């Protein structure tokens, strides 16, 4: 018979196998904090967010509570500062008052009624009216575009306003920088804006800064992240616009940044990866509205009031020529102006839609609009790069191909290693849109963008000619080929799709 266990021995055994009281309480606290995080985010994150975006954030936090919450606190707020929002609101009021009389001089478009409906939408959301008496020239060549901008800067007598997501001083852009410097030296007011994060990632950034400091050019970083100076915000809220205005007479906008076509990466030079762009050279009253956008962004970064430039220049006529309308969008506008315009045009199309977008990651509304157009018999074509320059975005984009192909959308893959970075689309024979905006959720919510809607059959025909050139070198992606792609590739596409909604 085993000897009886004494009370002392029982205590020793209990002590050996028990968890320290402090550890128990720590575990309880961690469990309670974890529970509180999960309960609180359920009622906070869905507010004013797309259901898909909210669900992605909730999944992230539920799987990785502390890491997910830290990421949400850093990246979950897509609003600009109050001061920036107030600046934008004040400018919007100024635009409405200053253009009411001009807008009344522009007759409605003598064509499909849906075009006038789109014009009204843009006016209500972005506040700029559609203005006639403009001329439009599309510029396809990369260096040709840089040279055309430099040539206009050379003629400047009053001011040059330049705003680009990425700027770099290199062999391809050197002439443009020289013209900016020369203009400033002869007394022209030269103002330059570039996105801080967009440009700092490019090799040679510090050399560009030294060059700007040594010149008479006035320059600022857009949406700077400089914590030591108290400048901090969500890191991926960026100003993605591309605008150049010379004397209020001529303007440029489109997809191209001021940088060499290889983006100063040795690997791109080695494999021959170049960016393919499309820019528009504009003359006429519409240039004034582009300049208002620049003046707004300049005031946001410098607090300098460019009141004299917050107006459309007076022209002899606002009729005839090409009817154009500038559409601003971004965190300063809670209505996602570019997305609403794109959806409106897609639903209005009767015969043909052709889209070129380097990053096509649609939200549900845009996906429904484009697939619905194809399903009701509209000829829908999408031009994208065969190989993307951003891994996650490219694979997120690929995850939508099956739904698009099944709906009848024709997808054309622009040949690698080239990157089709042009951002434009046409609807029937009536409307062409060009600008800085991609068709992805980032461009709808997080990036400040500019788009120009051009209502003119000749411009649309010219855009169709550009699209035909894309088609001639591209390969059409077929449904059978896509469905039979490797399982691992499908898995990567689907995971990337989830990350695209974390906004």
Protein backbone atom coordinates (compact mmCIF):
# COMPACT_ATOMS: atom_id res chain seq x y z
CA UNK A 1 0.00 0.00 0.00
CA UNK A 2 1.41 3.39 -1.01
CA UNK A 3 2.27 5.72 1.81
CA UNK A 4 -0.12 8.58 2.42
CA UNK A 5 0.82 11.87 0.76
CA UNK A 6 1.47 14.57 3.29
CA UNK A 7 0.04 18.08 2.97
CA UNK A 8 3.55 19.42 2.50
CA UNK A 9 4.19 17.12 -0.46
CA UNK A 10 0.88 18.10 -2.06
CA UNK A 11 1.84 21.77 -1.86
CA UNK A 12 5.20 21.06 -3.45
CA UNK A 13 3.56 19.17 -6.32
CA UNK A 14 0.93 21.89 -6.84
CA UNK A 15 3.60 24.60 -6.90
CA UNK A 16 5.61 22.69 -9.48
CA UNK A 17 2.72 22.36 -11.93
CA UNK A 18 0.81 25.60 -11.39
CA UNK A 19 1.12 28.82 -13.45
CA UNK A 20 2.38 31.90 -11.59
CA UNK A 21 -0.43 34.25 -10.63
CA UNK A 22 1.20 37.16 -12.55
CA UNK A 23 1.24 35.10 -15.74
CA UNK A 24 -2.40 34.19 -15.32
CA UNK A 25 -3.39 37.81 -14.97
CA UNK A 26 -1.24 38.78 -17.97
CA UNK A 27 -2.98 36.16 -20.09
CA UNK A 28 -6.38 37.41 -18.92
CA UNK A 29 -5.49 41.02 -19.74
CA UNK A 30 -4.21 40.06 -23.21
CA UNK A 31 -7.37 38.06 -23.89
CA UNK A 32 -9.58 40.97 -22.76
CA UNK A 33 -7.66 43.50 -24.88
CA UNK A 34 -7.90 41.16 -27.85
CA UNK A 35 -11.66 40.83 -27.33
CA UNK A 36 -12.11 44.60 -26.94
CA UNK A 37 -10.16 45.25 -30.16
CA UNK A 38 -12.33 42.83 -32.10
CA UNK A 39 -15.60 44.23 -30.73
CA UNK A 40 -14.63 47.88 -31.24
CA UNK A 41 -13.36 47.50 -34.82
CA UNK A 42 -16.60 45.75 -35.81
CA UNK A 43 -18.43 49.01 -35.22
CA UNK A 44 -15.72 51.44 -36.36
CA UNK A 45 -14.08 50.12 -39.53
CA UNK A 46 -17.24 49.68 -41.68
CA UNK A 47 -18.10 53.38 -41.32
CA UNK A 48 -17.83 55.26 -44.66
CA UNK A 49 -15.89 52.41 -46.30
CA UNK A 50 -16.73 49.98 -49.04
CA UNK A 51 -17.92 46.63 -47.61
CA UNK A 52 -15.03 44.87 -49.37
CA UNK A 53 -12.50 47.27 -47.89
CA UNK A 54 -14.01 46.99 -44.41
CA UNK A 55 -14.05 43.20 -44.61
CA UNK A 56 -10.40 43.08 -45.67
CA UNK A 57 -9.38 45.23 -42.71
CA UNK A 58 -11.50 43.18 -40.30
CA UNK A 59 -9.96 39.92 -41.54
CA UNK A 60 -6.50 41.39 -41.12
CA UNK A 61 -7.22 42.48 -37.55
CA UNK A 62 -9.02 39.26 -36.58
CA UNK A 63 -6.12 37.12 -37.78
CA UNK A 64 -3.37 39.44 -36.47
CA UNK A 65 -5.05 41.72 -33.89
CA UNK A 66 -2.11 43.87 -32.81
CA UNK A 67 -0.27 44.01 -36.13
CA UNK A 68 -3.54 44.50 -38.01
CA UNK A 69 -4.64 47.31 -35.69
CA UNK A 70 -1.26 49.05 -36.05
CA UNK A 71 -1.53 48.84 -39.84
CA UNK A 72 -5.08 50.20 -39.73
CA UNK A 73 -4.08 53.13 -37.53
CA UNK A 74 -1.30 53.93 -40.00
CA UNK A 75 -3.12 53.32 -43.28
CA UNK A 76 -6.83 53.28 -42.46
CA UNK A 77 -7.55 57.02 -42.55
CA UNK A 78 -7.82 58.29 -46.13
CA UNK A 79 -8.78 61.88 -45.31
CA UNK A 80 -6.51 64.86 -45.81
CA UNK A 81 -5.91 67.32 -42.99
CA UNK A 82 -8.65 69.73 -42.02
CA UNK A 83 -6.66 72.68 -43.36
CA UNK A 84 -6.30 71.05 -46.77
CA UNK A 85 -9.99 70.17 -46.90
CA UNK A 86 -10.94 73.73 -45.96
CA UNK A 87 -8.62 75.09 -48.67
CA UNK A 88 -10.27 72.85 -51.26
CA UNK A 89 -13.76 73.83 -50.10
CA UNK A 90 -12.93 77.54 -50.35
CA UNK A 91 -11.56 77.07 -53.87
CA UNK A 92 -14.66 75.12 -54.88
CA UNK A 93 -16.87 78.03 -53.86
CA UNK A 94 -14.60 80.44 -55.71
CA UNK A 95 -14.80 78.32 -58.87
CA UNK A 96 -18.59 78.15 -58.82
CA UNK A 97 -18.92 81.90 -58.41
CA UNK A 98 -16.22 82.71 -60.93
CA UNK A 99 -17.43 80.42 -63.70
CA UNK A 100 -21.21 80.71 -63.44
CA UNK A 101 -21.37 83.37 -66.14
CA UNK A 102 -18.89 81.54 -68.39
CA UNK A 103 -20.73 78.23 -68.06
CA UNK A 104 -23.93 79.90 -69.25
CA UNK A 105 -22.18 80.89 -72.50
CA UNK A 106 -21.40 77.28 -73.46
CA UNK A 107 -24.28 75.64 -75.34
CA UNK A 108 -25.23 72.01 -74.55
CA UNK A 109 -23.54 69.31 -76.60
CA UNK A 110 -25.44 68.66 -79.81
CA UNK A 111 -25.32 64.89 -79.52
CA UNK A 112 -26.43 62.06 -77.22
CA UNK A 113 -28.19 63.32 -74.11
CA UNK A 114 -26.01 61.17 -71.85
CA UNK A 115 -23.02 63.37 -72.70
CA UNK A 116 -24.73 66.44 -71.25
CA UNK A 117 -25.69 64.35 -68.24
CA UNK A 118 -22.02 63.47 -67.67
CA UNK A 119 -21.10 67.16 -67.99
CA UNK A 120 -23.66 68.04 -65.33
CA UNK A 121 -22.34 65.31 -63.04
CA UNK A 122 -18.79 66.63 -63.32
CA UNK A 123 -19.96 70.17 -62.67
CA UNK A 124 -21.79 69.14 -59.49
CA UNK A 125 -18.94 66.99 -58.16
CA UNK A 126 -15.78 68.78 -59.33
CA UNK A 127 -17.24 72.28 -59.78
CA UNK A 128 -15.55 73.00 -63.13
CA UNK A 129 -17.80 73.75 -66.14
CA UNK A 130 -17.30 72.30 -69.60
CA UNK A 131 -15.66 74.90 -71.84
CA UNK A 132 -15.46 75.08 -75.61
CA UNK A 133 -13.04 76.76 -78.02
CA UNK A 134 -10.16 74.46 -77.12
CA UNK A 135 -7.60 72.61 -79.24
CA UNK A 136 -6.19 69.20 -78.30
CA UNK A 137 -3.04 67.48 -79.53
CA UNK A 138 -2.20 63.95 -78.38
CA UNK A 139 1.52 63.26 -77.92
CA UNK A 140 2.59 59.60 -77.97
CA UNK A 141 6.39 59.84 -78.03
CA UNK A 142 8.03 59.81 -74.60
CA UNK A 143 10.92 62.15 -75.41
CA UNK A 144 8.70 64.07 -77.80
CA UNK A 145 6.43 64.97 -74.90
CA UNK A 146 9.32 66.15 -72.70
CA UNK A 147 10.69 68.22 -75.57
CA UNK A 148 7.27 69.73 -76.32
CA UNK A 149 6.92 70.86 -72.70
CA UNK A 150 10.45 72.28 -72.71
CA UNK A 151 9.70 74.21 -75.91
CA UNK A 152 6.65 75.86 -74.36
CA UNK A 153 8.57 76.77 -71.20
CA UNK A 154 11.13 78.49 -73.44
CA UNK A 155 8.39 80.88 -74.64
CA UNK A 156 7.06 81.73 -71.15
CA UNK A 157 6.80 85.41 -70.28
CA UNK A 158 4.67 85.45 -67.11
CA UNK A 159 4.62 82.13 -65.24
CA UNK A 160 5.23 78.39 -65.46
CA UNK A 161 3.37 76.04 -63.12
CA UNK A 162 4.55 72.42 -63.11
CA UNK A 163 3.11 69.62 -60.99
CA UNK A 164 4.14 65.97 -61.37
CA UNK A 165 3.95 62.85 -59.23
CA UNK A 166 7.58 61.96 -60.05
CA UNK A 167 10.33 64.34 -61.11
CA UNK A 168 13.93 63.43 -61.82
CA UNK A 169 16.89 65.32 -63.23
CA UNK A 170 18.44 62.95 -65.75
CA UNK A 171 19.66 62.83 -69.35
CA UNK A 172 16.12 62.76 -70.78
CA UNK A 173 14.73 65.56 -68.60
CA UNK A 174 17.84 67.76 -68.46
CA UNK A 175 16.63 70.06 -71.24
CA UNK A 176 13.30 70.60 -69.50
CA UNK A 177 15.05 71.47 -66.24
CA UNK A 178 17.36 73.85 -68.10
CA UNK A 179 14.35 75.67 -69.58
CA UNK A 180 12.74 75.92 -66.12
CA UNK A 181 15.97 77.38 -64.71
CA UNK A 182 16.40 79.79 -67.64
CA UNK A 183 12.80 80.99 -67.34
CA UNK A 184 13.23 81.68 -63.64
CA UNK A 185 16.48 83.56 -64.28
CA UNK A 186 14.82 85.89 -66.81
CA UNK A 187 12.09 86.82 -64.31
CA UNK A 188 9.34 84.33 -65.12
CA UNK A 189 7.64 83.03 -61.98
CA UNK A 190 8.42 79.31 -62.05
CA UNK A 191 6.68 77.08 -59.51
CA UNK A 192 7.31 73.35 -59.29
CA UNK A 193 5.47 70.73 -57.25
CA UNK A 194 6.43 67.06 -57.00
CA UNK A 195 5.14 64.29 -54.78
CA UNK A 196 7.51 63.62 -51.91
CA UNK A 197 7.27 59.82 -51.71
CA UNK A 198 6.80 59.40 -55.45
CA UNK A 199 10.05 61.24 -56.20
CA UNK A 200 12.25 60.30 -53.25
CA UNK A 201 12.17 56.65 -54.29
CA UNK A 202 13.95 57.48 -57.55
CA UNK A 203 17.77 57.30 -57.63
CA UNK A 204 19.28 60.78 -57.92
CA UNK A 205 16.64 62.48 -55.76
CA UNK A 206 19.19 64.40 -53.68
CA UNK A 207 20.96 65.63 -56.79
CA UNK A 208 17.65 66.99 -58.08
CA UNK A 209 17.02 68.77 -54.78
CA UNK A 210 20.48 70.36 -54.93
CA UNK A 211 19.77 71.48 -58.49
CA UNK A 212 16.46 73.06 -57.50
CA UNK A 213 18.03 74.80 -54.49
CA UNK A 214 20.74 76.28 -56.71
CA UNK A 215 18.13 77.77 -59.08
CA UNK A 216 15.60 80.61 -58.88
CA UNK A 217 12.74 78.08 -59.13
CA UNK A 218 10.15 78.07 -56.37
CA UNK A 219 9.51 74.44 -55.45
CA UNK A 220 7.73 72.34 -52.85
CA UNK A 221 7.20 68.70 -52.03
CA UNK A 222 3.57 67.58 -52.22
CA UNK A 223 2.09 65.81 -49.19
CA UNK A 224 5.54 65.64 -47.52
CA UNK A 225 6.35 63.09 -44.85
CA UNK A 226 8.78 65.00 -42.63
CA UNK A 227 8.01 64.08 -38.99
CA UNK A 228 10.79 66.30 -37.63
CA UNK A 229 8.96 69.26 -39.18
CA UNK A 230 5.57 68.08 -37.95
CA UNK A 231 4.49 66.97 -41.43
CA UNK A 232 2.92 63.54 -41.09
CA UNK A 233 -0.10 61.76 -42.56
CA UNK A 234 -1.10 58.39 -43.94
CA UNK A 235 2.03 57.50 -46.00
CA UNK A 236 0.20 56.29 -49.09
CA UNK A 237 -2.02 59.34 -49.58
CA UNK A 238 -0.28 60.76 -52.62
CA UNK A 239 -0.65 63.55 -55.18
CA UNK A 240 -0.55 61.66 -58.48
CA UNK A 241 -1.41 64.57 -60.80
CA UNK A 242 0.58 65.55 -63.90
CA UNK A 243 0.04 69.18 -64.96
CA UNK A 244 2.10 71.80 -66.75
CA UNK A 245 0.68 75.27 -67.46
CA UNK A 246 2.56 78.04 -69.30
CA UNK A 247 1.20 81.61 -69.05
CA UNK A 248 -2.37 80.25 -68.87
CA UNK A 249 -2.09 79.80 -72.61
CA UNK A 250 -1.04 76.19 -73.05
CA UNK A 251 -1.29 73.19 -70.76
CA UNK A 252 -0.20 69.56 -70.66
CA UNK A 253 -1.68 66.62 -68.78
CA UNK A 254 -1.80 62.86 -69.07
CA UNK A 255 0.06 59.86 -67.71
CA UNK A 256 3.72 60.83 -68.03
CA UNK A 257 6.06 61.83 -65.21
CA UNK A 258 9.17 63.96 -65.68
CA UNK A 259 11.73 61.15 -65.67
CA UNK A 260 13.52 58.96 -68.19
CA UNK A 261 11.38 56.10 -69.65
CA UNK A 262 13.41 53.45 -67.73
CA UNK A 263 12.71 55.15 -64.39
CA UNK A 264 16.43 55.20 -63.57
CA UNK A 265 16.58 51.51 -62.67
CA UNK A 266 19.51 49.44 -63.89
CA UNK A 267 17.33 46.34 -64.22
CA UNK A 268 14.91 48.20 -66.50
CA UNK A 269 17.78 49.33 -68.73
CA UNK A 270 19.15 45.79 -68.81
CA UNK A 271 15.90 44.08 -69.85
CA UNK A 272 14.62 46.95 -72.01
CA UNK A 273 11.63 47.81 -69.79
CA UNK A 274 10.35 51.25 -70.81
CA UNK A 275 7.15 53.11 -69.96
CA UNK A 276 4.70 53.87 -72.78
CA UNK A 277 2.74 57.09 -72.19
CA UNK A 278 0.16 59.42 -73.71
CA UNK A 279 -0.01 63.15 -73.03
CA UNK A 280 -2.39 65.85 -74.23
CA UNK A 281 -1.32 69.36 -75.20
CA UNK A 282 -4.23 71.75 -74.62
CA UNK A 283 -4.90 75.31 -75.69
CA UNK A 284 -7.94 77.42 -74.90
CA UNK A 285 -10.08 78.24 -71.87
CA UNK A 286 -9.64 74.72 -70.43
CA UNK A 287 -6.02 75.60 -69.58
CA UNK A 288 -7.33 78.03 -66.98
CA UNK A 289 -9.14 75.25 -65.12
CA UNK A 290 -5.99 73.12 -65.12
CA UNK A 291 -4.19 76.09 -63.64
CA UNK A 292 -6.79 76.44 -60.90
CA UNK A 293 -5.98 72.86 -59.87
CA UNK A 294 -2.29 73.72 -59.67
CA UNK A 295 -3.01 76.91 -57.70
CA UNK A 296 -5.09 74.91 -55.23
CA UNK A 297 -2.33 72.37 -54.66
CA UNK A 298 0.30 75.12 -54.41
CA UNK A 299 -1.75 76.92 -51.74
CA UNK A 300 -2.14 73.65 -49.84
CA UNK A 301 1.62 73.14 -49.70
CA UNK A 302 2.79 76.73 -49.22
CA UNK A 303 -0.22 78.62 -47.80
CA UNK A 304 0.52 81.20 -50.50
CA UNK A 305 -2.72 82.47 -52.01
CA UNK A 306 -2.56 82.53 -55.82
CA UNK A 307 -5.81 84.46 -56.03
CA UNK A 308 -4.95 85.92 -59.42
CA UNK A 309 -4.72 82.43 -60.87
CA UNK A 310 -7.95 81.08 -59.36
CA UNK A 311 -9.89 82.14 -62.43
CA UNK A 312 -10.42 81.07 -66.01
CA UNK A 313 -8.73 83.53 -68.37
CA UNK A 314 -11.05 85.63 -70.46
CA UNK A 315 -11.23 84.51 -74.06
CA UNK A 316 -13.08 85.95 -77.02
CA UNK A 317 -15.28 82.88 -77.21
CA UNK A 318 -16.13 79.78 -75.19
CA UNK A 319 -17.82 78.01 -78.08
CA UNK A 320 -16.55 76.04 -81.05
CA UNK A 321 -13.41 73.92 -81.02
CA UNK A 322 -13.19 70.98 -78.62
CA UNK A 323 -15.52 70.92 -75.62
CA UNK A 324 -13.40 69.96 -72.56
CA UNK A 325 -14.01 69.58 -68.86
CA UNK A 326 -11.45 69.09 -66.09
CA UNK A 327 -12.41 66.59 -63.38
CA UNK A 328 -10.44 66.80 -60.11
CA UNK A 329 -10.60 63.88 -57.69
CA UNK A 330 -8.92 62.51 -54.60
CA UNK A 331 -9.13 62.60 -50.79
CA UNK A 332 -10.13 66.28 -50.96
CA UNK A 333 -13.39 65.16 -52.62
CA UNK A 334 -15.43 62.61 -50.67
CA UNK A 335 -17.56 61.78 -53.72
CA UNK A 336 -14.90 59.84 -55.71
CA UNK A 337 -15.44 62.04 -58.76
CA UNK A 338 -13.38 59.99 -61.21
CA UNK A 339 -15.11 56.71 -60.30
CA UNK A 340 -18.56 58.25 -60.71
CA UNK A 341 -17.65 59.70 -64.09
CA UNK A 342 -16.16 56.43 -65.32
CA UNK A 343 -19.22 54.46 -64.22
CA UNK A 344 -21.59 56.97 -65.82
CA UNK A 345 -19.77 56.77 -69.16
CA UNK A 346 -19.58 52.97 -69.08
CA UNK A 347 -23.31 52.63 -68.44
CA UNK A 348 -24.08 55.21 -71.14
CA UNK A 349 -22.05 53.62 -73.93
CA UNK A 350 -24.07 52.28 -76.85
CA UNK A 351 -21.49 50.86 -79.27
CA UNK A 352 -17.87 50.87 -78.14
CA UNK A 353 -15.65 51.29 -75.08
CA UNK A 354 -11.86 51.09 -75.23
CA UNK A 355 -9.83 51.41 -72.02
CA UNK A 356 -6.09 51.69 -71.43
CA UNK A 357 -5.10 51.39 -67.78
CA UNK A 358 -1.79 50.17 -66.36
CA UNK A 359 -3.41 49.25 -63.04
CA UNK A 360 -6.93 47.93 -63.48
CA UNK A 361 -8.18 46.94 -60.02
CA UNK A 362 -11.86 47.93 -60.01
CA UNK A 363 -14.23 48.13 -57.09
CA UNK A 364 -17.53 46.27 -57.40
CA UNK A 365 -19.34 49.23 -59.00
CA UNK A 366 -16.78 49.62 -61.80
CA UNK A 367 -16.56 45.86 -62.37
CA UNK A 368 -20.35 45.69 -62.73
CA UNK A 369 -20.38 48.71 -65.06
CA UNK A 370 -17.79 47.29 -67.46
CA UNK A 371 -19.14 43.74 -67.47
CA UNK A 372 -22.72 44.99 -67.84
CA UNK A 373 -21.68 47.05 -70.86
CA UNK A 374 -20.17 43.95 -72.50
CA UNK A 375 -23.20 41.81 -71.64
CA UNK A 376 -25.61 44.26 -73.24
CA UNK A 377 -23.73 44.12 -76.52
CA UNK A 378 -21.27 47.01 -76.28
CA UNK A 379 -17.85 46.21 -77.76
CA UNK A 380 -15.53 46.54 -74.74
CA UNK A 381 -11.75 46.34 -75.03
CA UNK A 382 -9.18 46.62 -72.25
CA UNK A 383 -5.47 47.22 -72.88
CA UNK A 384 -3.13 46.25 -70.03
CA UNK A 385 0.53 45.32 -69.73
CA UNK A 386 1.50 41.69 -70.15
CA UNK A 387 3.98 42.10 -67.30
CA UNK A 388 3.45 44.71 -64.58
CA UNK A 389 6.04 46.77 -62.73
CA UNK A 390 4.31 46.36 -59.34
CA UNK A 391 3.98 42.75 -58.18
CA UNK A 392 0.92 42.94 -55.91
CA UNK A 393 -1.01 45.38 -58.10
CA UNK A 394 -0.32 43.33 -61.23
CA UNK A 395 -1.49 40.10 -59.62
CA UNK A 396 -4.54 41.81 -58.10
CA UNK A 397 -5.40 43.03 -61.60
CA UNK A 398 -5.05 39.52 -63.02
CA UNK A 399 -7.60 38.21 -60.51
CA UNK A 400 -10.33 40.11 -62.41
CA UNK A 401 -9.53 38.77 -65.87
CA UNK A 402 -11.76 35.69 -65.62
CA UNK A 403 -14.88 37.68 -64.73
CA UNK A 404 -14.13 40.19 -67.49
CA UNK A 405 -13.51 37.53 -70.15
CA UNK A 406 -16.64 35.58 -69.22
CA UNK A 407 -18.69 38.77 -69.59
CA UNK A 408 -17.33 39.32 -73.10
CA UNK A 409 -14.66 41.95 -72.44
CA UNK A 410 -11.72 41.56 -74.83
CA UNK A 411 -8.37 41.88 -73.03
CA UNK A 412 -5.23 42.78 -74.97
CA UNK A 413 -1.80 42.28 -73.36
CA UNK A 414 0.75 44.92 -74.33
CA UNK A 415 4.02 43.05 -74.89
CA UNK A 416 6.62 42.79 -72.15
CA UNK A 417 9.06 44.11 -71.15
CA UNK A 418 7.31 47.39 -72.07
CA UNK A 419 4.94 48.90 -69.50
CA UNK A 420 1.78 50.44 -70.96
CA UNK A 421 1.38 53.31 -68.51
CA UNK A 422 -1.04 55.41 -70.62
CA UNK A 423 -4.34 56.19 -68.90
CA UNK A 424 -7.24 56.97 -71.20
CA UNK A 425 -10.47 55.60 -72.63
CA UNK A 426 -13.04 56.34 -75.31
CA UNK A 427 -16.80 55.91 -75.40
CA UNK A 428 -18.56 55.52 -78.76
CA UNK A 429 -17.53 58.34 -81.11
CA UNK A 430 -18.36 61.08 -78.61
CA UNK A 431 -16.12 61.13 -75.56
CA UNK A 432 -12.45 60.63 -74.78
CA UNK A 433 -10.96 60.84 -71.27
CA UNK A 434 -7.27 61.30 -70.50
CA UNK A 435 -5.40 62.08 -67.31
CA UNK A 436 -3.42 60.72 -64.38
CA UNK A 437 -6.10 58.41 -62.96
CA UNK A 438 -5.81 54.65 -63.12
CA UNK A 439 -8.90 52.48 -62.90
CA UNK A 440 -8.11 51.15 -59.46
CA UNK A 441 -9.28 51.70 -55.92
CA UNK A 442 -6.14 53.65 -55.04
CA UNK A 443 -6.86 56.27 -57.72
CA UNK A 444 -10.50 56.52 -56.62
CA UNK A 445 -9.85 57.08 -52.90
CA UNK A 446 -6.21 57.69 -52.01
CA UNK A 447 -4.57 59.63 -54.85
CA UNK A 448 -5.17 63.22 -55.89
CA UNK A 449 -5.85 62.87 -59.63
CA UNK A 450 -6.77 64.94 -62.66
CA UNK A 451 -8.84 63.81 -65.62
CA UNK A 452 -9.94 65.73 -68.71
CA UNK A 453 -13.12 64.74 -70.54
CA UNK A 454 -12.94 65.75 -74.21
CA UNK A 455 -16.14 65.82 -76.24
CA UNK A 456 -15.25 65.89 -79.91
CA UNK A 457 -15.42 63.27 -82.66
CA UNK A 458 -12.08 64.27 -84.17
CA UNK A 459 -10.31 63.83 -80.81
CA UNK A 460 -12.03 60.47 -80.29
CA UNK A 461 -10.91 59.36 -83.76
CA UNK A 462 -7.35 60.36 -82.92
CA UNK A 463 -7.56 58.38 -79.68
CA UNK A 464 -8.93 55.41 -81.66
CA UNK A 465 -5.84 55.64 -83.88
CA UNK A 466 -3.63 55.35 -80.78
CA UNK A 467 -5.68 52.40 -79.59
CA UNK A 468 -5.27 50.70 -82.96
CA UNK A 469 -1.51 50.96 -82.55
CA UNK A 470 -1.78 49.24 -79.17
CA UNK A 471 -3.90 46.50 -80.73
CA UNK A 472 -1.43 45.94 -83.54
CA UNK A 473 1.38 44.98 -81.14
CA UNK A 474 -0.68 43.35 -78.38
CA UNK A 475 -1.75 39.75 -77.87
CA UNK A 476 -5.37 38.97 -77.07
CA UNK A 477 -5.92 36.94 -73.91
CA UNK A 478 -8.50 34.17 -74.38
CA UNK A 479 -10.72 32.63 -71.70
CA UNK A 480 -9.58 29.02 -72.19
CA UNK A 481 -5.95 30.02 -71.82
CA UNK A 482 -6.68 31.97 -68.68
CA UNK A 483 -8.78 29.34 -66.95
CA UNK A 484 -6.01 26.77 -67.46
CA UNK A 485 -3.24 28.87 -65.93
CA UNK A 486 -1.24 27.23 -63.09
CA UNK A 487 -2.94 26.77 -59.71
CA UNK A 488 -0.13 28.63 -57.92
CA UNK A 489 -0.57 31.65 -60.19
CA UNK A 490 -4.30 31.69 -59.44
CA UNK A 491 -3.58 31.51 -55.70
CA UNK A 492 -1.14 34.45 -55.85
CA UNK A 493 -3.66 36.50 -57.88
CA UNK A 494 -6.40 35.92 -55.31
CA UNK A 495 -4.19 36.80 -52.33
CA UNK A 496 -3.06 39.98 -54.08
CA UNK A 497 -6.69 40.86 -54.75
CA UNK A 498 -7.36 40.85 -51.02
CA UNK A 499 -4.50 43.25 -50.31
CA UNK A 500 -5.79 45.67 -52.95
CA UNK A 501 -8.87 46.40 -50.82
CA UNK A 502 -6.91 47.40 -47.70
CA UNK A 503 -7.61 51.14 -47.96
